[in-house]
């Protein structure tokens, strides 16, 4: 009877260990599910914001949906930025410019400028969108040489000509910086989280 009691006590301890391990695993799974659920909600919200911005600008979001998803997913792999943050930046640019196609084309520049100047995506999206409109504003304060370049166009320069100079300058000076930042040691850790 003593051996059976000892054996049963050992089995009981093993069952308690299994129960505790199961509870820990379930807790981790539940926490992971909560994180995944939060991420799914964030992704849906950012896509809805993009949809609304394109619609308000008079466009058909379905024309941009797949490309936006592809571009932001690829940028998430290559940079330190999350796809839902990039989608929100796209929506912000469309709200400012009323041009979904050009906003999508310049989304990489937004990430590059954010990385190169160490600013957030929202600030970068605002600056790039204004540059797309030929508005030098804050860009002239950040980059005084831009003011000279735009002034060199003359007073009769169109907004499109100014936009070409501004976007060209930003591209020349910041292209590829988002990928470089992600490939750095700290950026690599952030990219790994993505």
N, C-alpha and C. Protein backbone atom coordinates (compact mmCIF):
# COMPACT_ATOMS: atom_id res chain seq x y z
N UNK A 1 0.84 -1.18 0.00
CA UNK A 1 0.00 0.00 0.00
C UNK A 1 0.88 1.25 0.00
N UNK A 2 1.99 1.21 0.72
CA UNK A 2 2.91 2.35 0.77
C UNK A 2 3.44 2.69 -0.62
N UNK A 3 3.81 1.66 -1.41
CA UNK A 3 4.31 1.91 -2.78
C UNK A 3 3.22 2.50 -3.65
N UNK A 4 2.01 2.04 -3.52
CA UNK A 4 0.88 2.55 -4.31
C UNK A 4 0.61 3.99 -3.93
N UNK A 5 0.64 4.30 -2.63
CA UNK A 5 0.41 5.67 -2.17
C UNK A 5 1.50 6.59 -2.68
N UNK A 6 2.75 6.14 -2.62
CA UNK A 6 3.86 6.93 -3.13
C UNK A 6 3.72 7.12 -4.63
N UNK A 7 3.34 6.07 -5.33
CA UNK A 7 3.16 6.13 -6.78
C UNK A 7 2.03 7.08 -7.14
N UNK A 8 0.91 7.00 -6.40
CA UNK A 8 -0.21 7.90 -6.65
C UNK A 8 0.16 9.35 -6.35
N UNK A 9 0.96 9.59 -5.35
CA UNK A 9 1.41 10.95 -5.01
C UNK A 9 2.29 11.49 -6.14
N UNK A 10 3.12 10.62 -6.71
CA UNK A 10 3.96 11.04 -7.84
C UNK A 10 3.14 11.36 -9.06
N UNK A 11 2.12 10.54 -9.33
CA UNK A 11 1.23 10.78 -10.47
C UNK A 11 0.46 12.08 -10.25
N UNK A 12 0.00 12.30 -9.01
CA UNK A 12 -0.72 13.53 -8.69
C UNK A 12 0.16 14.75 -8.96
N UNK A 13 1.43 14.69 -8.58
CA UNK A 13 2.36 15.80 -8.81
C UNK A 13 2.56 16.03 -10.31
N UNK A 14 2.65 14.93 -11.06
CA UNK A 14 2.81 15.05 -12.51
C UNK A 14 1.57 15.67 -13.15
N UNK A 15 0.39 15.26 -12.68
CA UNK A 15 -0.86 15.83 -13.20
C UNK A 15 -0.96 17.32 -12.87
N UNK A 16 -0.53 17.68 -11.67
CA UNK A 16 -0.53 19.11 -11.29
C UNK A 16 0.42 19.89 -12.20
N UNK A 17 1.58 19.32 -12.49
CA UNK A 17 2.55 19.98 -13.38
C UNK A 17 1.97 20.13 -14.78
N UNK A 18 1.30 19.07 -15.28
CA UNK A 18 0.67 19.13 -16.60
C UNK A 18 -0.42 20.19 -16.60
N UNK A 19 -1.25 20.22 -15.54
CA UNK A 19 -2.31 21.22 -15.45
C UNK A 19 -1.73 22.63 -15.47
N UNK A 20 -0.68 22.87 -14.69
CA UNK A 20 -0.06 24.19 -14.64
C UNK A 20 0.54 24.58 -15.98
N UNK A 21 1.19 23.62 -16.63
CA UNK A 21 1.78 23.90 -17.94
C UNK A 21 0.68 24.20 -18.96
N UNK A 22 -0.42 23.45 -18.88
CA UNK A 22 -1.55 23.68 -19.79
C UNK A 22 -2.16 25.05 -19.57
N UNK A 23 -2.31 25.41 -18.29
CA UNK A 23 -2.86 26.73 -17.98
C UNK A 23 -1.95 27.84 -18.50
N UNK A 24 -0.65 27.66 -18.34
CA UNK A 24 0.31 28.66 -18.84
C UNK A 24 0.23 28.74 -20.36
N UNK A 25 0.18 27.59 -21.02
CA UNK A 25 0.10 27.57 -22.48
C UNK A 25 -1.20 28.20 -22.95
N UNK A 26 -2.32 27.89 -22.28
CA UNK A 26 -3.60 28.47 -22.66
C UNK A 26 -3.57 29.98 -22.47
N UNK A 27 -2.97 30.42 -21.36
CA UNK A 27 -2.86 31.86 -21.11
C UNK A 27 -2.05 32.55 -22.19
N UNK A 28 -0.96 31.94 -22.60
CA UNK A 28 -0.13 32.51 -23.66
C UNK A 28 -0.89 32.54 -24.98
N UNK A 29 -1.63 31.46 -25.26
CA UNK A 29 -2.42 31.39 -26.48
C UNK A 29 -3.50 32.45 -26.48
N UNK A 30 -4.17 32.60 -25.34
CA UNK A 30 -5.21 33.62 -25.23
C UNK A 30 -4.63 35.01 -25.40
N UNK A 31 -3.47 35.26 -24.79
CA UNK A 31 -2.82 36.57 -24.94
C UNK A 31 -2.43 36.79 -26.39
N UNK A 32 -1.90 35.77 -27.03
CA UNK A 32 -1.53 35.87 -28.44
C UNK A 32 -2.74 36.12 -29.31
N UNK A 33 -3.85 35.48 -28.98
CA UNK A 33 -5.09 35.68 -29.73
C UNK A 33 -5.57 37.12 -29.57
N UNK A 34 -5.41 37.65 -28.35
CA UNK A 34 -5.80 39.04 -28.11
C UNK A 34 -4.96 40.00 -28.93
N UNK A 35 -3.68 39.73 -29.02
CA UNK A 35 -2.79 40.56 -29.83
C UNK A 35 -3.17 40.45 -31.30
N UNK A 36 -3.44 39.23 -31.74
CA UNK A 36 -3.83 39.02 -33.14
C UNK A 36 -5.16 39.71 -33.43
N UNK A 37 -6.09 39.64 -32.51
CA UNK A 37 -7.38 40.30 -32.69
C UNK A 37 -7.19 41.81 -32.77
N UNK A 38 -6.37 42.35 -31.88
CA UNK A 38 -6.09 43.80 -31.91
C UNK A 38 -5.46 44.20 -33.25
N UNK A 39 -4.53 43.40 -33.74
CA UNK A 39 -3.88 43.69 -35.02
C UNK A 39 -4.89 43.63 -36.17
N UNK A 40 -5.80 42.68 -36.11
CA UNK A 40 -6.82 42.57 -37.16
C UNK A 40 -7.75 43.78 -37.15
N UNK A 41 -8.10 44.23 -35.96
CA UNK A 41 -8.96 45.41 -35.84
C UNK A 41 -8.24 46.64 -36.38
N UNK A 42 -6.96 46.79 -36.02
CA UNK A 42 -6.16 47.92 -36.52
C UNK A 42 -6.08 47.90 -38.05
N UNK A 43 -5.86 46.72 -38.61
CA UNK A 43 -5.75 46.59 -40.06
C UNK A 43 -7.07 46.96 -40.74
N UNK A 44 -8.16 46.52 -40.18
CA UNK A 44 -9.48 46.83 -40.75
C UNK A 44 -9.76 48.33 -40.66
N UNK A 45 -9.42 48.93 -39.54
CA UNK A 45 -9.64 50.37 -39.37
C UNK A 45 -8.82 51.19 -40.36
N UNK A 46 -7.56 50.80 -40.55
CA UNK A 46 -6.71 51.57 -41.47
C UNK A 46 -7.20 51.41 -42.91
N UNK A 47 -7.67 50.21 -43.27
CA UNK A 47 -8.20 50.01 -44.62
C UNK A 47 -9.50 50.79 -44.81
N UNK A 48 -10.34 50.84 -43.79
CA UNK A 48 -11.58 51.62 -43.87
C UNK A 48 -11.29 53.11 -44.00
N UNK A 49 -10.27 53.57 -43.30
CA UNK A 49 -9.87 54.98 -43.40
C UNK A 49 -9.38 55.28 -44.83
N UNK A 50 -8.59 54.38 -45.38
CA UNK A 50 -8.12 54.55 -46.77
C UNK A 50 -9.30 54.57 -47.73
N UNK A 51 -10.23 53.64 -47.52
CA UNK A 51 -11.43 53.57 -48.38
C UNK A 51 -12.21 54.89 -48.33
N UNK A 52 -12.43 55.39 -47.13
CA UNK A 52 -13.19 56.64 -46.96
C UNK A 52 -12.47 57.82 -47.60
N UNK A 53 -11.16 57.88 -47.45
CA UNK A 53 -10.39 59.00 -48.02
C UNK A 53 -10.48 59.00 -49.54
N UNK A 54 -10.35 57.83 -50.14
CA UNK A 54 -10.44 57.74 -51.60
C UNK A 54 -11.84 58.10 -52.07
N UNK A 55 -12.85 57.64 -51.34
CA UNK A 55 -14.23 57.94 -51.72
C UNK A 55 -14.50 59.44 -51.64
N UNK A 56 -14.05 60.07 -50.55
CA UNK A 56 -14.25 61.52 -50.40
C UNK A 56 -13.53 62.29 -51.51
N UNK A 57 -12.39 61.74 -51.95
CA UNK A 57 -11.64 62.39 -53.03
C UNK A 57 -12.29 62.14 -54.40
N UNK A 58 -13.37 61.36 -54.41
CA UNK A 58 -14.08 61.11 -55.66
C UNK A 58 -13.58 59.89 -56.42
N UNK A 59 -12.77 59.06 -55.77
CA UNK A 59 -12.22 57.89 -56.44
C UNK A 59 -12.94 56.61 -56.07
N UNK A 60 -12.60 55.55 -56.77
CA UNK A 60 -13.14 54.22 -56.52
C UNK A 60 -12.06 53.41 -55.81
N UNK A 61 -12.27 53.15 -54.53
CA UNK A 61 -11.26 52.48 -53.72
C UNK A 61 -10.89 51.11 -54.28
N UNK A 62 -11.83 50.43 -54.87
CA UNK A 62 -11.56 49.09 -55.40
C UNK A 62 -10.46 49.11 -56.46
N UNK A 63 -10.26 50.24 -57.11
CA UNK A 63 -9.17 50.36 -58.09
C UNK A 63 -7.80 50.37 -57.41
N UNK A 64 -7.75 50.72 -56.13
CA UNK A 64 -6.49 50.87 -55.39
C UNK A 64 -6.29 49.81 -54.31
N UNK A 65 -7.34 49.13 -53.92
CA UNK A 65 -7.32 48.21 -52.78
C UNK A 65 -6.21 47.17 -52.87
N UNK A 66 -6.16 46.42 -53.95
CA UNK A 66 -5.16 45.35 -54.08
C UNK A 66 -3.74 45.91 -54.11
N UNK A 67 -3.55 46.95 -54.88
CA UNK A 67 -2.21 47.54 -54.98
C UNK A 67 -1.77 48.12 -53.65
N UNK A 68 -2.68 48.76 -52.93
CA UNK A 68 -2.35 49.31 -51.61
C UNK A 68 -1.94 48.18 -50.67
N UNK A 69 -2.70 47.10 -50.67
CA UNK A 69 -2.36 45.95 -49.82
C UNK A 69 -1.01 45.37 -50.18
N UNK A 70 -0.74 45.24 -51.48
CA UNK A 70 0.54 44.68 -51.93
C UNK A 70 1.71 45.59 -51.56
N UNK A 71 1.54 46.88 -51.83
CA UNK A 71 2.61 47.85 -51.57
C UNK A 71 2.91 47.91 -50.07
N UNK A 72 1.88 48.02 -49.25
CA UNK A 72 2.13 48.16 -47.81
C UNK A 72 2.66 46.86 -47.20
N UNK A 73 2.21 45.71 -47.71
CA UNK A 73 2.74 44.43 -47.20
C UNK A 73 4.22 44.30 -47.55
N UNK A 74 4.58 44.68 -48.76
CA UNK A 74 5.99 44.61 -49.18
C UNK A 74 6.83 45.61 -48.38
N UNK A 75 6.30 46.81 -48.17
CA UNK A 75 7.04 47.81 -47.40
C UNK A 75 7.21 47.35 -45.96
N UNK A 76 6.22 46.65 -45.41
CA UNK A 76 6.33 46.15 -44.05
C UNK A 76 7.49 45.15 -43.96
N UNK A 77 7.67 44.33 -44.98
CA UNK A 77 8.76 43.37 -44.99
C UNK A 77 10.12 44.06 -45.11
N UNK A 78 10.17 45.15 -45.84
CA UNK A 78 11.43 45.80 -46.17
C UNK A 78 11.81 46.94 -45.22
N UNK A 79 10.84 47.46 -44.47
CA UNK A 79 11.10 48.61 -43.61
C UNK A 79 10.69 48.30 -42.18
N UNK A 80 10.79 49.28 -41.34
CA UNK A 80 10.40 49.11 -39.94
C UNK A 80 8.96 49.56 -39.69
N UNK A 81 8.20 49.80 -40.74
CA UNK A 81 6.84 50.32 -40.59
C UNK A 81 5.80 49.23 -40.78
N UNK A 82 4.74 49.31 -39.99
CA UNK A 82 3.61 48.38 -40.07
C UNK A 82 2.72 48.75 -41.26
N UNK A 83 2.11 47.75 -41.88
CA UNK A 83 1.27 48.02 -43.03
C UNK A 83 0.06 48.90 -42.69
N UNK A 84 -0.52 48.74 -41.50
CA UNK A 84 -1.67 49.57 -41.17
C UNK A 84 -1.27 51.03 -40.95
N UNK A 85 -0.07 51.28 -40.45
CA UNK A 85 0.42 52.65 -40.32
C UNK A 85 0.66 53.26 -41.71
N UNK A 86 1.17 52.47 -42.62
CA UNK A 86 1.37 52.94 -43.99
C UNK A 86 0.04 53.21 -44.68
N UNK A 87 -0.96 52.39 -44.43
CA UNK A 87 -2.29 52.62 -45.00
C UNK A 87 -2.90 53.90 -44.46
N UNK A 88 -2.69 54.16 -43.17
CA UNK A 88 -3.17 55.43 -42.60
C UNK A 88 -2.45 56.62 -43.24
N UNK A 89 -1.17 56.47 -43.51
CA UNK A 89 -0.42 57.54 -44.18
C UNK A 89 -0.95 57.78 -45.58
N UNK A 90 -1.27 56.70 -46.28
CA UNK A 90 -1.88 56.82 -47.60
C UNK A 90 -3.19 57.60 -47.51
N UNK A 91 -4.03 57.23 -46.55
CA UNK A 91 -5.32 57.92 -46.37
C UNK A 91 -5.11 59.40 -46.09
N UNK A 92 -4.14 59.72 -45.26
CA UNK A 92 -3.84 61.11 -44.93
C UNK A 92 -3.41 61.88 -46.18
N UNK A 93 -2.56 61.26 -47.00
CA UNK A 93 -2.10 61.92 -48.22
C UNK A 93 -3.25 62.15 -49.19
N UNK A 94 -4.13 61.16 -49.33
CA UNK A 94 -5.27 61.30 -50.23
C UNK A 94 -6.18 62.43 -49.74
N UNK A 95 -6.36 62.52 -48.43
CA UNK A 95 -7.19 63.59 -47.86
C UNK A 95 -6.62 64.97 -48.19
N UNK A 96 -5.32 65.08 -48.22
CA UNK A 96 -4.68 66.37 -48.51
C UNK A 96 -4.64 66.66 -50.01
N UNK A 97 -4.25 65.65 -50.79
CA UNK A 97 -4.02 65.88 -52.22
C UNK A 97 -5.22 65.60 -53.11
N UNK A 98 -6.15 64.80 -52.62
CA UNK A 98 -7.30 64.34 -53.42
C UNK A 98 -6.84 63.51 -54.63
N UNK A 99 -5.68 62.88 -54.51
CA UNK A 99 -5.09 62.11 -55.61
C UNK A 99 -4.58 60.77 -55.08
N UNK A 100 -5.40 59.74 -55.21
CA UNK A 100 -5.05 58.42 -54.66
C UNK A 100 -3.87 57.80 -55.40
N UNK A 101 -3.84 57.92 -56.71
CA UNK A 101 -2.76 57.30 -57.49
C UNK A 101 -1.39 57.86 -57.14
N UNK A 102 -1.26 59.16 -57.12
CA UNK A 102 0.02 59.79 -56.78
C UNK A 102 0.38 59.55 -55.32
N UNK A 103 -0.63 59.52 -54.46
CA UNK A 103 -0.36 59.26 -53.04
C UNK A 103 0.22 57.86 -52.87
N UNK A 104 -0.34 56.90 -53.57
CA UNK A 104 0.18 55.53 -53.49
C UNK A 104 1.59 55.46 -54.08
N UNK A 105 1.81 56.17 -55.17
CA UNK A 105 3.14 56.18 -55.79
C UNK A 105 4.20 56.80 -54.90
N UNK A 106 3.81 57.73 -54.03
CA UNK A 106 4.76 58.42 -53.17
C UNK A 106 4.81 57.87 -51.74
N UNK A 107 4.14 56.75 -51.49
CA UNK A 107 4.13 56.18 -50.15
C UNK A 107 5.52 55.73 -49.71
N UNK A 108 6.31 55.22 -50.64
CA UNK A 108 7.69 54.85 -50.32
C UNK A 108 8.51 56.05 -49.90
N UNK A 109 8.27 57.17 -50.54
CA UNK A 109 8.98 58.41 -50.18
C UNK A 109 8.60 58.84 -48.76
N UNK A 110 7.36 58.62 -48.38
CA UNK A 110 6.92 58.94 -47.02
C UNK A 110 7.76 58.14 -46.01
N UNK A 111 7.90 56.85 -46.26
CA UNK A 111 8.68 55.99 -45.36
C UNK A 111 10.15 56.41 -45.36
N UNK A 112 10.69 56.72 -46.55
CA UNK A 112 12.09 57.14 -46.65
C UNK A 112 12.34 58.44 -45.89
N UNK A 113 11.47 59.42 -46.06
CA UNK A 113 11.63 60.70 -45.37
C UNK A 113 11.49 60.51 -43.85
N UNK A 114 10.52 59.70 -43.43
CA UNK A 114 10.34 59.45 -41.99
C UNK A 114 11.60 58.83 -41.40
N UNK A 115 12.19 57.89 -42.11
CA UNK A 115 13.42 57.25 -41.62
C UNK A 115 14.61 58.20 -41.68
N UNK A 116 14.73 58.90 -42.78
CA UNK A 116 15.87 59.80 -42.97
C UNK A 116 15.90 60.98 -42.02
N UNK A 117 14.73 61.49 -41.68
CA UNK A 117 14.66 62.64 -40.77
C UNK A 117 14.29 62.24 -39.34
N UNK A 118 14.07 60.94 -39.14
CA UNK A 118 13.67 60.41 -37.83
C UNK A 118 12.41 61.11 -37.31
N UNK A 119 11.39 61.13 -38.18
CA UNK A 119 10.10 61.70 -37.83
C UNK A 119 9.04 60.60 -37.99
N UNK A 120 7.86 60.84 -37.45
CA UNK A 120 6.81 59.83 -37.57
C UNK A 120 6.20 59.86 -38.97
N UNK A 121 5.50 58.77 -39.31
CA UNK A 121 4.91 58.65 -40.64
C UNK A 121 3.87 59.72 -40.92
N UNK A 122 3.09 60.10 -39.92
CA UNK A 122 2.06 61.11 -40.13
C UNK A 122 2.67 62.45 -40.54
N UNK A 123 3.73 62.86 -39.86
CA UNK A 123 4.41 64.10 -40.21
C UNK A 123 5.01 64.01 -41.60
N UNK A 124 5.63 62.88 -41.89
CA UNK A 124 6.23 62.67 -43.20
C UNK A 124 5.16 62.67 -44.29
N UNK A 125 4.03 62.02 -44.05
CA UNK A 125 2.94 61.99 -45.04
C UNK A 125 2.43 63.40 -45.32
N UNK A 126 2.33 64.20 -44.27
CA UNK A 126 1.89 65.59 -44.43
C UNK A 126 2.88 66.37 -45.30
N UNK A 127 4.17 66.22 -45.02
CA UNK A 127 5.19 66.94 -45.79
C UNK A 127 5.21 66.51 -47.26
N UNK A 128 5.14 65.21 -47.51
CA UNK A 128 5.17 64.72 -48.89
C UNK A 128 3.91 65.14 -49.63
N UNK A 129 2.76 65.05 -48.98
CA UNK A 129 1.51 65.45 -49.62
C UNK A 129 1.55 66.93 -50.01
N UNK A 130 2.09 67.75 -49.13
CA UNK A 130 2.18 69.18 -49.44
C UNK A 130 3.20 69.43 -50.56
N UNK A 131 4.26 68.65 -50.56
CA UNK A 131 5.24 68.75 -51.66
C UNK A 131 4.58 68.36 -52.97
N UNK A 132 3.72 67.36 -52.95
CA UNK A 132 3.01 66.93 -54.15
C UNK A 132 2.14 68.05 -54.71
N UNK A 133 1.73 68.97 -53.86
CA UNK A 133 0.91 70.09 -54.28
C UNK A 133 1.74 71.33 -54.61
N UNK A 134 3.05 71.22 -54.47
CA UNK A 134 3.91 72.37 -54.75
C UNK A 134 3.96 73.36 -53.61
N UNK A 135 3.54 72.96 -52.43
CA UNK A 135 3.52 73.82 -51.25
C UNK A 135 4.82 73.63 -50.48
N UNK A 136 5.65 74.66 -50.47
CA UNK A 136 6.97 74.53 -49.82
C UNK A 136 6.88 74.65 -48.31
N UNK A 137 6.03 75.49 -47.78
CA UNK A 137 5.78 75.65 -46.35
C UNK A 137 6.86 75.15 -45.41
N UNK A 138 6.52 74.11 -44.63
CA UNK A 138 7.45 73.57 -43.63
C UNK A 138 8.68 72.94 -44.27
N UNK A 139 8.55 72.46 -45.49
CA UNK A 139 9.73 71.89 -46.16
C UNK A 139 10.82 72.95 -46.32
N UNK A 140 10.41 74.17 -46.59
CA UNK A 140 11.37 75.26 -46.73
C UNK A 140 12.09 75.55 -45.42
N UNK A 141 11.40 75.34 -44.31
CA UNK A 141 12.03 75.54 -43.00
C UNK A 141 12.99 74.39 -42.69
N UNK A 142 12.61 73.18 -43.06
CA UNK A 142 13.47 72.03 -42.82
C UNK A 142 14.67 72.00 -43.76
N UNK A 143 14.44 72.43 -44.99
CA UNK A 143 15.47 72.38 -46.02
C UNK A 143 15.54 73.75 -46.71
N UNK A 144 16.30 74.69 -46.13
CA UNK A 144 16.35 76.05 -46.69
C UNK A 144 16.77 76.09 -48.16
N UNK A 145 17.59 75.12 -48.58
CA UNK A 145 18.01 75.11 -49.98
C UNK A 145 16.84 74.89 -50.93
N UNK A 146 15.76 74.29 -50.45
CA UNK A 146 14.57 74.08 -51.27
C UNK A 146 13.92 75.40 -51.65
N UNK A 147 13.92 76.33 -50.72
CA UNK A 147 13.35 77.65 -51.00
C UNK A 147 14.06 78.29 -52.19
N UNK A 148 15.38 78.18 -52.21
CA UNK A 148 16.16 78.74 -53.32
C UNK A 148 15.86 78.02 -54.63
N UNK A 149 15.70 76.71 -54.57
CA UNK A 149 15.39 75.95 -55.78
C UNK A 149 14.03 76.33 -56.35
N UNK A 150 13.05 76.51 -55.48
CA UNK A 150 11.71 76.89 -55.93
C UNK A 150 11.72 78.33 -56.43
N UNK A 151 12.43 79.22 -55.74
CA UNK A 151 12.51 80.61 -56.19
C UNK A 151 13.19 80.71 -57.55
N UNK A 152 14.14 79.82 -57.82
CA UNK A 152 14.84 79.82 -59.10
C UNK A 152 13.90 79.50 -60.26
N UNK A 153 12.77 78.89 -59.98
CA UNK A 153 11.79 78.60 -61.03
C UNK A 153 11.12 79.88 -61.53
N UNK A 154 11.15 80.90 -60.72
CA UNK A 154 10.52 82.17 -61.10
C UNK A 154 9.12 82.28 -60.54
N UNK A 155 8.62 83.51 -60.55
CA UNK A 155 7.31 83.75 -59.94
C UNK A 155 6.16 83.19 -60.76
N UNK A 156 6.40 82.87 -62.02
CA UNK A 156 5.34 82.32 -62.86
C UNK A 156 5.32 80.78 -62.86
N UNK A 157 6.11 80.19 -61.99
CA UNK A 157 6.15 78.73 -61.93
C UNK A 157 4.80 78.17 -61.49
N UNK A 158 4.41 77.08 -62.11
CA UNK A 158 3.15 76.44 -61.75
C UNK A 158 3.33 75.58 -60.49
N UNK A 159 2.21 75.21 -59.90
CA UNK A 159 2.27 74.32 -58.73
C UNK A 159 2.90 72.98 -59.14
N UNK A 160 2.60 72.53 -60.35
CA UNK A 160 3.16 71.26 -60.83
C UNK A 160 4.68 71.35 -60.96
N UNK A 161 5.19 72.47 -61.43
CA UNK A 161 6.64 72.65 -61.53
C UNK A 161 7.29 72.67 -60.15
N UNK A 162 6.65 73.38 -59.24
CA UNK A 162 7.16 73.41 -57.86
C UNK A 162 7.12 72.02 -57.25
N UNK A 163 6.03 71.30 -57.46
CA UNK A 163 5.89 69.94 -56.94
C UNK A 163 7.00 69.06 -57.49
N UNK A 164 7.30 69.20 -58.78
CA UNK A 164 8.37 68.41 -59.38
C UNK A 164 9.71 68.64 -58.71
N UNK A 165 10.01 69.90 -58.40
CA UNK A 165 11.26 70.24 -57.72
C UNK A 165 11.28 69.66 -56.30
N UNK A 166 10.17 69.83 -55.59
CA UNK A 166 10.10 69.38 -54.20
C UNK A 166 10.19 67.85 -54.10
N UNK A 167 9.40 67.16 -54.89
CA UNK A 167 9.42 65.70 -54.86
C UNK A 167 10.77 65.18 -55.35
N UNK A 168 11.32 65.82 -56.37
CA UNK A 168 12.64 65.43 -56.88
C UNK A 168 13.72 65.57 -55.82
N UNK A 169 13.68 66.67 -55.10
CA UNK A 169 14.66 66.91 -54.03
C UNK A 169 14.54 65.83 -52.95
N UNK A 170 13.32 65.61 -52.49
CA UNK A 170 13.12 64.62 -51.43
C UNK A 170 13.55 63.22 -51.89
N UNK A 171 13.22 62.89 -53.12
CA UNK A 171 13.62 61.58 -53.65
C UNK A 171 15.13 61.46 -53.73
N UNK A 172 15.77 62.50 -54.27
CA UNK A 172 17.24 62.48 -54.40
C UNK A 172 17.94 62.34 -53.05
N UNK A 173 17.40 62.96 -52.03
CA UNK A 173 18.07 62.99 -50.73
C UNK A 173 17.66 61.86 -49.77
N UNK A 174 16.51 61.24 -49.99
CA UNK A 174 16.03 60.26 -49.01
C UNK A 174 15.72 58.88 -49.56
N UNK A 175 15.80 58.70 -50.86
CA UNK A 175 15.44 57.41 -51.45
C UNK A 175 16.24 56.26 -50.81
N UNK A 176 15.52 55.24 -50.40
CA UNK A 176 16.14 54.04 -49.84
C UNK A 176 16.45 54.10 -48.35
N UNK A 177 16.18 55.22 -47.71
CA UNK A 177 16.54 55.35 -46.30
C UNK A 177 15.69 54.49 -45.38
N UNK A 178 14.45 54.21 -45.76
CA UNK A 178 13.62 53.35 -44.92
C UNK A 178 14.19 51.93 -44.88
N UNK A 179 14.63 51.45 -46.01
CA UNK A 179 15.23 50.11 -46.06
C UNK A 179 16.56 50.09 -45.31
N UNK A 180 17.37 51.14 -45.50
CA UNK A 180 18.65 51.22 -44.78
C UNK A 180 18.43 51.23 -43.27
N UNK A 181 17.45 51.99 -42.82
CA UNK A 181 17.16 52.06 -41.38
C UNK A 181 16.71 50.70 -40.86
N UNK A 182 15.90 50.00 -41.65
CA UNK A 182 15.43 48.68 -41.24
C UNK A 182 16.55 47.66 -41.24
N UNK A 183 17.53 47.84 -42.11
CA UNK A 183 18.65 46.91 -42.19
C UNK A 183 19.69 47.16 -41.11
N UNK A 184 19.60 48.31 -40.42
CA UNK A 184 20.52 48.59 -39.33
C UNK A 184 20.18 47.68 -38.15
N UNK A 185 20.99 47.70 -37.14
CA UNK A 185 20.81 46.80 -35.99
C UNK A 185 19.45 47.04 -35.32
N UNK A 186 19.14 48.27 -34.93
CA UNK A 186 17.88 48.51 -34.23
C UNK A 186 16.70 48.39 -35.19
N UNK A 187 16.87 48.81 -36.42
CA UNK A 187 15.81 48.67 -37.41
C UNK A 187 15.52 47.21 -37.71
N UNK A 188 16.54 46.40 -37.70
CA UNK A 188 16.37 44.96 -37.95
C UNK A 188 15.49 44.33 -36.89
N UNK A 189 15.64 44.76 -35.65
CA UNK A 189 14.80 44.24 -34.57
C UNK A 189 13.34 44.66 -34.77
N UNK A 190 13.14 45.91 -35.17
CA UNK A 190 11.79 46.39 -35.42
C UNK A 190 11.18 45.64 -36.61
N UNK A 191 11.97 45.47 -37.66
CA UNK A 191 11.49 44.75 -38.84
C UNK A 191 11.12 43.31 -38.48
N UNK A 192 11.88 42.70 -37.61
CA UNK A 192 11.63 41.33 -37.18
C UNK A 192 10.28 41.23 -36.48
N UNK A 193 9.92 42.25 -35.71
CA UNK A 193 8.63 42.27 -35.04
C UNK A 193 7.48 42.32 -36.02
N UNK A 194 7.71 42.99 -37.20
CA UNK A 194 6.68 43.10 -38.21
C UNK A 194 6.33 41.74 -38.75
